[in-house]
PDB file of N, CA and C in Angstrom:
ATOM      1  N   UNK A   1      61.555   1.934  26.919  1.00  0.00           N
ATOM      2  CA  UNK A   1      60.133   1.899  26.663  1.00  0.00           C
ATOM      3  C   UNK A   1      59.809   0.685  25.807  1.00  0.00           C
ATOM      4  N   UNK A   2      58.889  -0.085  26.275  1.00  0.00           N
ATOM      5  CA  UNK A   2      58.507  -1.286  25.548  1.00  0.00           C
ATOM      6  C   UNK A   2      57.085  -1.160  25.034  1.00  0.00           C
ATOM      7  N   UNK A   3      56.867  -1.528  23.811  1.00  0.00           N
ATOM      8  CA  UNK A   3      55.511  -1.591  23.280  1.00  0.00           C
ATOM      9  C   UNK A   3      54.941  -2.954  23.654  1.00  0.00           C
ATOM     10  N   UNK A   4      53.648  -2.982  23.966  1.00  0.00           N
ATOM     11  CA  UNK A   4      52.982  -4.206  24.380  1.00  0.00           C
ATOM     12  C   UNK A   4      52.052  -4.652  23.256  1.00  0.00           C
ATOM     13  N   UNK A   5      52.076  -5.958  22.972  1.00  0.00           N
ATOM     14  CA  UNK A   5      51.252  -6.525  21.914  1.00  0.00           C
ATOM     15  C   UNK A   5      50.396  -7.657  22.472  1.00  0.00           C
ATOM     16  N   UNK A   6      49.197  -7.817  21.891  1.00  0.00           N
ATOM     17  CA  UNK A   6      48.294  -8.898  22.268  1.00  0.00           C
ATOM     18  C   UNK A   6      48.117  -9.826  21.076  1.00  0.00           C
ATOM     19  N   UNK A   7      48.218 -11.121  21.366  1.00  0.00           N
ATOM     20  CA  UNK A   7      47.928 -12.119  20.342  1.00  0.00           C
ATOM     21  C   UNK A   7      46.432 -12.126  20.125  1.00  0.00           C
ATOM     22  N   UNK A   8      46.009 -11.939  18.870  1.00  0.00           N
ATOM     23  CA  UNK A   8      44.595 -11.826  18.525  1.00  0.00           C
ATOM     24  C   UNK A   8      43.777 -12.972  19.120  1.00  0.00           C
ATOM     25  N   UNK A   9      42.745 -12.602  19.880  1.00  0.00           N
ATOM     26  CA  UNK A   9      41.831 -13.591  20.432  1.00  0.00           C
ATOM     27  C   UNK A   9      42.342 -14.314  21.662  1.00  0.00           C
ATOM     28  N   UNK A  10      43.387 -13.810  22.304  1.00  0.00           N
ATOM     29  CA  UNK A  10      43.900 -14.487  23.500  1.00  0.00           C
ATOM     30  C   UNK A  10      44.153 -13.469  24.608  1.00  0.00           C
ATOM     31  N   UNK A  11      44.538 -13.975  25.748  1.00  0.00           N
ATOM     32  CA  UNK A  11      44.885 -13.105  26.864  1.00  0.00           C
ATOM     33  C   UNK A  11      46.401 -13.000  27.019  1.00  0.00           C
ATOM     34  N   UNK A  12      47.136 -13.347  25.979  1.00  0.00           N
ATOM     35  CA  UNK A  12      48.590 -13.273  26.004  1.00  0.00           C
ATOM     36  C   UNK A  12      49.042 -11.892  25.546  1.00  0.00           C
ATOM     37  N   UNK A  13      49.777 -11.208  26.411  1.00  0.00           N
ATOM     38  CA  UNK A  13      50.343  -9.899  26.109  1.00  0.00           C
ATOM     39  C   UNK A  13      51.852 -10.008  26.233  1.00  0.00           C
ATOM     40  N   UNK A  14      52.568  -9.542  25.208  1.00  0.00           N
ATOM     41  CA  UNK A  14      54.030  -9.586  25.230  1.00  0.00           C
ATOM     42  C   UNK A  14      54.606  -8.237  24.842  1.00  0.00           C
ATOM     43  N   UNK A  15      55.676  -7.860  25.552  1.00  0.00           N
ATOM     44  CA  UNK A  15      56.409  -6.661  25.162  1.00  0.00           C
ATOM     45  C   UNK A  15      57.327  -7.046  23.991  1.00  0.00           C
ATOM     46  N   UNK A  16      57.879  -6.040  23.329  1.00  0.00           N
ATOM     47  CA  UNK A  16      58.752  -6.305  22.182  1.00  0.00           C
ATOM     48  C   UNK A  16      59.929  -7.214  22.529  1.00  0.00           C
ATOM     49  N   UNK A  17      60.644  -6.958  23.635  1.00  0.00           N
ATOM     50  CA  UNK A  17      61.777  -7.841  23.947  1.00  0.00           C
ATOM     51  C   UNK A  17      61.352  -9.306  24.170  1.00  0.00           C
ATOM     52  N   UNK A  18      60.260  -9.530  24.890  1.00  0.00           N
ATOM     53  CA  UNK A  18      59.794 -10.903  25.126  1.00  0.00           C
ATOM     54  C   UNK A  18      59.311 -11.545  23.831  1.00  0.00           C
ATOM     55  N   UNK A  19      58.635 -10.769  23.005  1.00  0.00           N
ATOM     56  CA  UNK A  19      58.167 -11.292  21.717  1.00  0.00           C
ATOM     57  C   UNK A  19      59.352 -11.684  20.847  1.00  0.00           C
ATOM     58  N   UNK A  20      60.413 -10.883  20.868  1.00  0.00           N
ATOM     59  CA  UNK A  20      61.616 -11.207  20.100  1.00  0.00           C
ATOM     60  C   UNK A  20      62.339 -12.416  20.674  1.00  0.00           C
ATOM     61  N   UNK A  21      62.406 -12.514  22.018  1.00  0.00           N
ATOM     62  CA  UNK A  21      63.093 -13.637  22.660  1.00  0.00           C
ATOM     63  C   UNK A  21      62.348 -14.953  22.469  1.00  0.00           C
ATOM     64  N   UNK A  22      61.011 -14.898  22.534  1.00  0.00           N
ATOM     65  CA  UNK A  22      60.203 -16.124  22.446  1.00  0.00           C
ATOM     66  C   UNK A  22      59.753 -16.433  21.028  1.00  0.00           C
ATOM     67  N   UNK A  23      59.781 -15.458  20.167  1.00  0.00           N
ATOM     68  CA  UNK A  23      59.182 -15.563  18.833  1.00  0.00           C
ATOM     69  C   UNK A  23      60.054 -16.268  17.831  1.00  0.00           C
ATOM     70  N   UNK A  24      59.638 -16.343  16.628  1.00  0.00           N
ATOM     71  CA  UNK A  24      58.379 -15.791  16.141  1.00  0.00           C
ATOM     72  C   UNK A  24      57.192 -16.665  16.577  1.00  0.00           C
ATOM     73  N   UNK A  25      56.169 -16.024  17.046  1.00  0.00           N
ATOM     74  CA  UNK A  25      54.944 -16.716  17.446  1.00  0.00           C
ATOM     75  C   UNK A  25      53.904 -16.398  16.385  1.00  0.00           C
ATOM     76  N   UNK A  26      53.380 -17.433  15.714  1.00  0.00           N
ATOM     77  CA  UNK A  26      52.425 -17.190  14.631  1.00  0.00           C
ATOM     78  C   UNK A  26      51.121 -16.592  15.157  1.00  0.00           C
ATOM     79  N   UNK A  27      50.508 -15.817  14.321  1.00  0.00           N
ATOM     80  CA  UNK A  27      49.240 -15.193  14.650  1.00  0.00           C
ATOM     81  C   UNK A  27      49.317 -13.696  14.424  1.00  0.00           C
ATOM     82  N   UNK A  28      48.191 -13.048  14.599  1.00  0.00           N
ATOM     83  CA  UNK A  28      48.135 -11.605  14.408  1.00  0.00           C
ATOM     84  C   UNK A  28      48.347 -10.919  15.758  1.00  0.00           C
ATOM     85  N   UNK A  29      49.328 -10.040  15.803  1.00  0.00           N
ATOM     86  CA  UNK A  29      49.663  -9.309  17.022  1.00  0.00           C
ATOM     87  C   UNK A  29      49.237  -7.864  16.871  1.00  0.00           C
ATOM     88  N   UNK A  30      48.461  -7.366  17.825  1.00  0.00           N
ATOM     89  CA  UNK A  30      48.007  -5.983  17.794  1.00  0.00           C
ATOM     90  C   UNK A  30      48.571  -5.240  19.001  1.00  0.00           C
ATOM     91  N   UNK A  31      48.964  -3.997  18.768  1.00  0.00           N
ATOM     92  CA  UNK A  31      49.512  -3.205  19.861  1.00  0.00           C
ATOM     93  C   UNK A  31      48.396  -2.839  20.848  1.00  0.00           C
ATOM     94  N   UNK A  32      48.652  -3.087  22.121  1.00  0.00           N
ATOM     95  CA  UNK A  32      47.721  -2.739  23.197  1.00  0.00           C
ATOM     96  C   UNK A  32      48.523  -1.996  24.265  1.00  0.00           C
ATOM     97  N   UNK A  33      48.684  -0.693  24.087  1.00  0.00           N
ATOM     98  CA  UNK A  33      49.635   0.065  24.901  1.00  0.00           C
ATOM     99  C   UNK A  33      49.307   0.167  26.384  1.00  0.00           C
ATOM    100  N   UNK A  34      48.083  -0.099  26.800  1.00  0.00           N
ATOM    101  CA  UNK A  34      47.737   0.064  28.213  1.00  0.00           C
ATOM    102  C   UNK A  34      47.782  -1.239  28.991  1.00  0.00           C
ATOM    103  N   UNK A  35      48.236  -2.312  28.367  1.00  0.00           N
ATOM    104  CA  UNK A  35      48.313  -3.620  29.029  1.00  0.00           C
ATOM    105  C   UNK A  35      49.709  -3.845  29.609  1.00  0.00           C
ATOM    106  N   UNK A  36      49.854  -4.977  30.279  1.00  0.00           N
ATOM    107  CA  UNK A  36      51.112  -5.366  30.925  1.00  0.00           C
ATOM    108  C   UNK A  36      51.597  -6.669  30.310  1.00  0.00           C
ATOM    109  N   UNK A  37      52.893  -6.786  30.072  1.00  0.00           N
ATOM    110  CA  UNK A  37      53.472  -7.996  29.498  1.00  0.00           C
ATOM    111  C   UNK A  37      53.180  -9.184  30.412  1.00  0.00           C
ATOM    112  N   UNK A  38      52.681 -10.273  29.840  1.00  0.00           N
ATOM    113  CA  UNK A  38      52.343 -11.473  30.606  1.00  0.00           C
ATOM    114  C   UNK A  38      53.578 -12.199  31.129  1.00  0.00           C
ATOM    115  N   UNK A  39      54.735 -11.970  30.519  1.00  0.00           N
ATOM    116  CA  UNK A  39      55.952 -12.692  30.902  1.00  0.00           C
ATOM    117  C   UNK A  39      56.768 -11.912  31.932  1.00  0.00           C
ATOM    118  N   UNK A  40      57.129 -10.668  31.607  1.00  0.00           N
ATOM    119  CA  UNK A  40      58.036  -9.914  32.479  1.00  0.00           C
ATOM    120  C   UNK A  40      57.353  -8.804  33.276  1.00  0.00           C
ATOM    121  N   UNK A  41      56.111  -8.483  32.946  1.00  0.00           N
ATOM    122  CA  UNK A  41      55.386  -7.447  33.669  1.00  0.00           C
ATOM    123  C   UNK A  41      55.697  -6.031  33.231  1.00  0.00           C
ATOM    124  N   UNK A  42      56.394  -5.866  32.125  1.00  0.00           N
ATOM    125  CA  UNK A  42      56.758  -4.544  31.624  1.00  0.00           C
ATOM    126  C   UNK A  42      55.512  -3.824  31.113  1.00  0.00           C
ATOM    127  N   UNK A  43      55.555  -2.489  31.123  1.00  0.00           N
ATOM    128  CA  UNK A  43      54.457  -1.673  30.629  1.00  0.00           C
ATOM    129  C   UNK A  43      55.009  -0.631  29.656  1.00  0.00           C
ATOM    130  N   UNK A  44      54.127  -0.074  28.836  1.00  0.00           N
ATOM    131  CA  UNK A  44      54.488   0.982  27.896  1.00  0.00           C
ATOM    132  C   UNK A  44      54.319   2.319  28.615  1.00  0.00           C
ATOM    133  N   UNK A  45      55.393   2.799  29.232  1.00  0.00           N
ATOM    134  CA  UNK A  45      55.324   4.012  30.037  1.00  0.00           C
ATOM    135  C   UNK A  45      54.960   5.246  29.222  1.00  0.00           C
ATOM    136  N   UNK A  46      55.456   5.343  28.009  1.00  0.00           N
ATOM    137  CA  UNK A  46      55.165   6.513  27.184  1.00  0.00           C
ATOM    138  C   UNK A  46      53.666   6.611  26.906  1.00  0.00           C
ATOM    139  N   UNK A  47      53.035   5.491  26.559  1.00  0.00           N
ATOM    140  CA  UNK A  47      51.597   5.518  26.292  1.00  0.00           C
ATOM    141  C   UNK A  47      50.810   5.855  27.549  1.00  0.00           C
ATOM    142  N   UNK A  48      51.225   5.323  28.675  1.00  0.00           N
ATOM    143  CA  UNK A  48      50.528   5.626  29.935  1.00  0.00           C
ATOM    144  C   UNK A  48      50.685   7.094  30.304  1.00  0.00           C
ATOM    145  N   UNK A  49      51.867   7.652  30.079  1.00  0.00           N
ATOM    146  CA  UNK A  49      52.071   9.078  30.354  1.00  0.00           C
ATOM    147  C   UNK A  49      51.223   9.937  29.425  1.00  0.00           C
ATOM    148  N   UNK A  50      51.106   9.532  28.154  1.00  0.00           N
ATOM    149  CA  UNK A  50      50.279  10.277  27.208  1.00  0.00           C
ATOM    150  C   UNK A  50      48.812  10.244  27.626  1.00  0.00           C
ATOM    151  N   UNK A  51      48.336   9.090  28.069  1.00  0.00           N
ATOM    152  CA  UNK A  51      46.951   8.963  28.530  1.00  0.00           C
ATOM    153  C   UNK A  51      46.735   9.807  29.777  1.00  0.00           C
ATOM    154  N   UNK A  52      47.678   9.761  30.715  1.00  0.00           N
ATOM    155  CA  UNK A  52      47.569  10.572  31.931  1.00  0.00           C
ATOM    156  C   UNK A  52      47.539  12.059  31.594  1.00  0.00           C
ATOM    157  N   UNK A  53      48.388  12.486  30.666  1.00  0.00           N
ATOM    158  CA  UNK A  53      48.434  13.890  30.255  1.00  0.00           C
ATOM    159  C   UNK A  53      47.109  14.295  29.603  1.00  0.00           C
ATOM    160  N   UNK A  54      46.566  13.414  28.740  1.00  0.00           N
ATOM    161  CA  UNK A  54      45.288  13.688  28.085  1.00  0.00           C
ATOM    162  C   UNK A  54      44.177  13.851  29.126  1.00  0.00           C
ATOM    163  N   UNK A  55      44.118  12.948  30.119  1.00  0.00           N
ATOM    164  CA  UNK A  55      43.087  13.036  31.150  1.00  0.00           C
ATOM    165  C   UNK A  55      43.252  14.301  31.984  1.00  0.00           C
ATOM    166  N   UNK A  56      44.485  14.654  32.323  1.00  0.00           N
ATOM    167  CA  UNK A  56      44.736  15.869  33.095  1.00  0.00           C
ATOM    168  C   UNK A  56      44.262  17.100  32.327  1.00  0.00           C
ATOM    169  N   UNK A  57      44.639  17.185  31.043  1.00  0.00           N
ATOM    170  CA  UNK A  57      44.241  18.332  30.234  1.00  0.00           C
ATOM    171  C   UNK A  57      42.727  18.390  30.049  1.00  0.00           C
ATOM    172  N   UNK A  58      42.105  17.238  29.894  1.00  0.00           N
ATOM    173  CA  UNK A  58      40.647  17.169  29.765  1.00  0.00           C
ATOM    174  C   UNK A  58      39.970  17.647  31.049  1.00  0.00           C
ATOM    175  N   UNK A  59      40.482  17.211  32.193  1.00  0.00           N
ATOM    176  CA  UNK A  59      39.944  17.661  33.481  1.00  0.00           C
ATOM    177  C   UNK A  59      40.104  19.166  33.644  1.00  0.00           C
ATOM    178  N   UNK A  60      41.265  19.688  33.243  1.00  0.00           N
ATOM    179  CA  UNK A  60      41.513  21.122  33.343  1.00  0.00           C
ATOM    180  C   UNK A  60      40.517  21.908  32.493  1.00  0.00           C
ATOM    181  N   UNK A  61      40.285  21.434  31.248  1.00  0.00           N
ATOM    182  CA  UNK A  61      39.337  22.118  30.367  1.00  0.00           C
ATOM    183  C   UNK A  61      37.929  22.093  30.958  1.00  0.00           C
ATOM    184  N   UNK A  62      37.515  20.937  31.505  1.00  0.00           N
ATOM    185  CA  UNK A  62      36.186  20.846  32.106  1.00  0.00           C
ATOM    186  C   UNK A  62      36.074  21.799  33.293  1.00  0.00           C
ATOM    187  N   UNK A  63      37.110  21.869  34.114  1.00  0.00           N
ATOM    188  CA  UNK A  63      37.098  22.753  35.275  1.00  0.00           C
ATOM    189  C   UNK A  63      37.019  24.210  34.827  1.00  0.00           C
ATOM    190  N   UNK A  64      37.822  24.584  33.829  1.00  0.00           N
ATOM    191  CA  UNK A  64      37.807  25.956  33.343  1.00  0.00           C
ATOM    192  C   UNK A  64      36.450  26.303  32.731  1.00  0.00           C
ATOM    193  N   UNK A  65      35.838  25.369  32.010  1.00  0.00           N
ATOM    194  CA  UNK A  65      34.508  25.596  31.442  1.00  0.00           C
ATOM    195  C   UNK A  65      33.480  25.765  32.562  1.00  0.00           C
ATOM    196  N   UNK A  66      33.606  24.955  33.607  1.00  0.00           N
ATOM    197  CA  UNK A  66      32.688  25.030  34.737  1.00  0.00           C
ATOM    198  C   UNK A  66      32.805  26.383  35.434  1.00  0.00           C
ATOM    199  N   UNK A  67      34.030  26.811  35.688  1.00  0.00           N
ATOM    200  CA  UNK A  67      34.263  28.108  36.329  1.00  0.00           C
ATOM    201  C   UNK A  67      33.751  29.229  35.432  1.00  0.00           C
ATOM    202  N   UNK A  68      33.986  29.110  34.121  1.00  0.00           N
ATOM    203  CA  UNK A  68      33.508  30.122  33.179  1.00  0.00           C
ATOM    204  C   UNK A  68      31.995  30.230  33.193  1.00  0.00           C
ATOM    205  N   UNK A  69      31.294  29.110  33.280  1.00  0.00           N
ATOM    206  CA  UNK A  69      29.827  29.114  33.331  1.00  0.00           C
ATOM    207  C   UNK A  69      29.347  29.755  34.625  1.00  0.00           C
ATOM    208  N   UNK A  70      29.988  29.423  35.742  1.00  0.00           N
ATOM    209  CA  UNK A  70      29.588  30.012  37.022  1.00  0.00           C
ATOM    210  C   UNK A  70      29.788  31.523  37.002  1.00  0.00           C
ATOM    211  N   UNK A  71      30.884  31.989  36.416  1.00  0.00           N
ATOM    212  CA  UNK A  71      31.148  33.426  36.346  1.00  0.00           C
ATOM    213  C   UNK A  71      30.090  34.122  35.502  1.00  0.00           C
ATOM    214  N   UNK A  72      29.732  33.508  34.384  1.00  0.00           N
ATOM    215  CA  UNK A  72      28.717  34.097  33.514  1.00  0.00           C
ATOM    216  C   UNK A  72      27.370  34.151  34.224  1.00  0.00           C
ATOM    217  N   UNK A  73      27.022  33.113  34.952  1.00  0.00           N
ATOM    218  CA  UNK A  73      25.762  33.093  35.693  1.00  0.00           C
ATOM    219  C   UNK A  73      25.782  34.145  36.794  1.00  0.00           C
ATOM    220  N   UNK A  74      26.884  34.235  37.530  1.00  0.00           N
ATOM    221  CA  UNK A  74      26.993  35.224  38.601  1.00  0.00           C
ATOM    222  C   UNK A  74      26.840  36.637  38.054  1.00  0.00           C
ATOM    223  N   UNK A  75      27.494  36.933  36.934  1.00  0.00           N
ATOM    224  CA  UNK A  75      27.416  38.269  36.348  1.00  0.00           C
ATOM    225  C   UNK A  75      26.008  38.565  35.853  1.00  0.00           C
ATOM    226  N   UNK A  76      25.353  37.563  35.280  1.00  0.00           N
ATOM    227  CA  UNK A  76      24.033  37.762  34.709  1.00  0.00           C
ATOM    228  C   UNK A  76      22.987  38.026  35.794  1.00  0.00           C
ATOM    229  N   UNK A  77      23.118  37.352  36.923  1.00  0.00           N
ATOM    230  CA  UNK A  77      22.131  37.479  37.979  1.00  0.00           C
ATOM    231  C   UNK A  77      22.565  38.406  39.116  1.00  0.00           C
ATOM    232  N   UNK A  78      23.682  39.097  38.927  1.00  0.00           N
ATOM    233  CA  UNK A  78      24.159  39.999  39.967  1.00  0.00           C
ATOM    234  C   UNK A  78      23.166  41.140  40.191  1.00  0.00           C
ATOM    235  N   UNK A  79      22.551  41.605  39.106  1.00  0.00           N
ATOM    236  CA  UNK A  79      21.580  42.695  39.203  1.00  0.00           C
ATOM    237  C   UNK A  79      20.149  42.185  39.278  1.00  0.00           C
ATOM    238  N   UNK A  80      19.930  40.946  39.536  1.00  0.00           N
ATOM    239  CA  UNK A  80      18.587  40.360  39.494  1.00  0.00           C
ATOM    240  C   UNK A  80      17.585  41.051  40.403  1.00  0.00           C
ATOM    241  N   UNK A  81      17.898  41.315  41.651  1.00  0.00           N
ATOM    242  CA  UNK A  81      16.860  41.950  42.466  1.00  0.00           C
ATOM    243  C   UNK A  81      16.509  43.360  41.987  1.00  0.00           C
ATOM    244  N   UNK A  82      17.418  44.023  41.303  1.00  0.00           N
ATOM    245  CA  UNK A  82      17.174  45.391  40.837  1.00  0.00           C
ATOM    246  C   UNK A  82      16.466  45.423  39.498  1.00  0.00           C
ATOM    247  N   UNK A  83      16.318  44.293  38.840  1.00  0.00           N
ATOM    248  CA  UNK A  83      15.714  44.282  37.501  1.00  0.00           C
ATOM    249  C   UNK A  83      14.218  44.367  37.566  1.00  0.00           C
TER     250      UNK A  83
END
C-alpha cells in the first residue's frame, strides 16, 4: 500500500517509494489518498477501499431509511378508506 502525496500548488503526485527514490524534493507535500502517482501510476488501495466501504454503507442506510418510510406510509394509509 502506497500513500500518495501532492506537491503544494502543482499537479505532481508521488507515492512514498517514488518520493523517496526521487527526493528529497523541496516544498510542502500533502497526502491526497484518492490520486494516482504521476511517475509509476500506483494508488492508495486502502484509502480507496475505505471510501468504497463508506459509500456502500451510506447507500445501504439511505435504502433502509427509504424502505422504512414507505412501510410507515403504507401502514398509516392502509385504513384510509375506512377512516
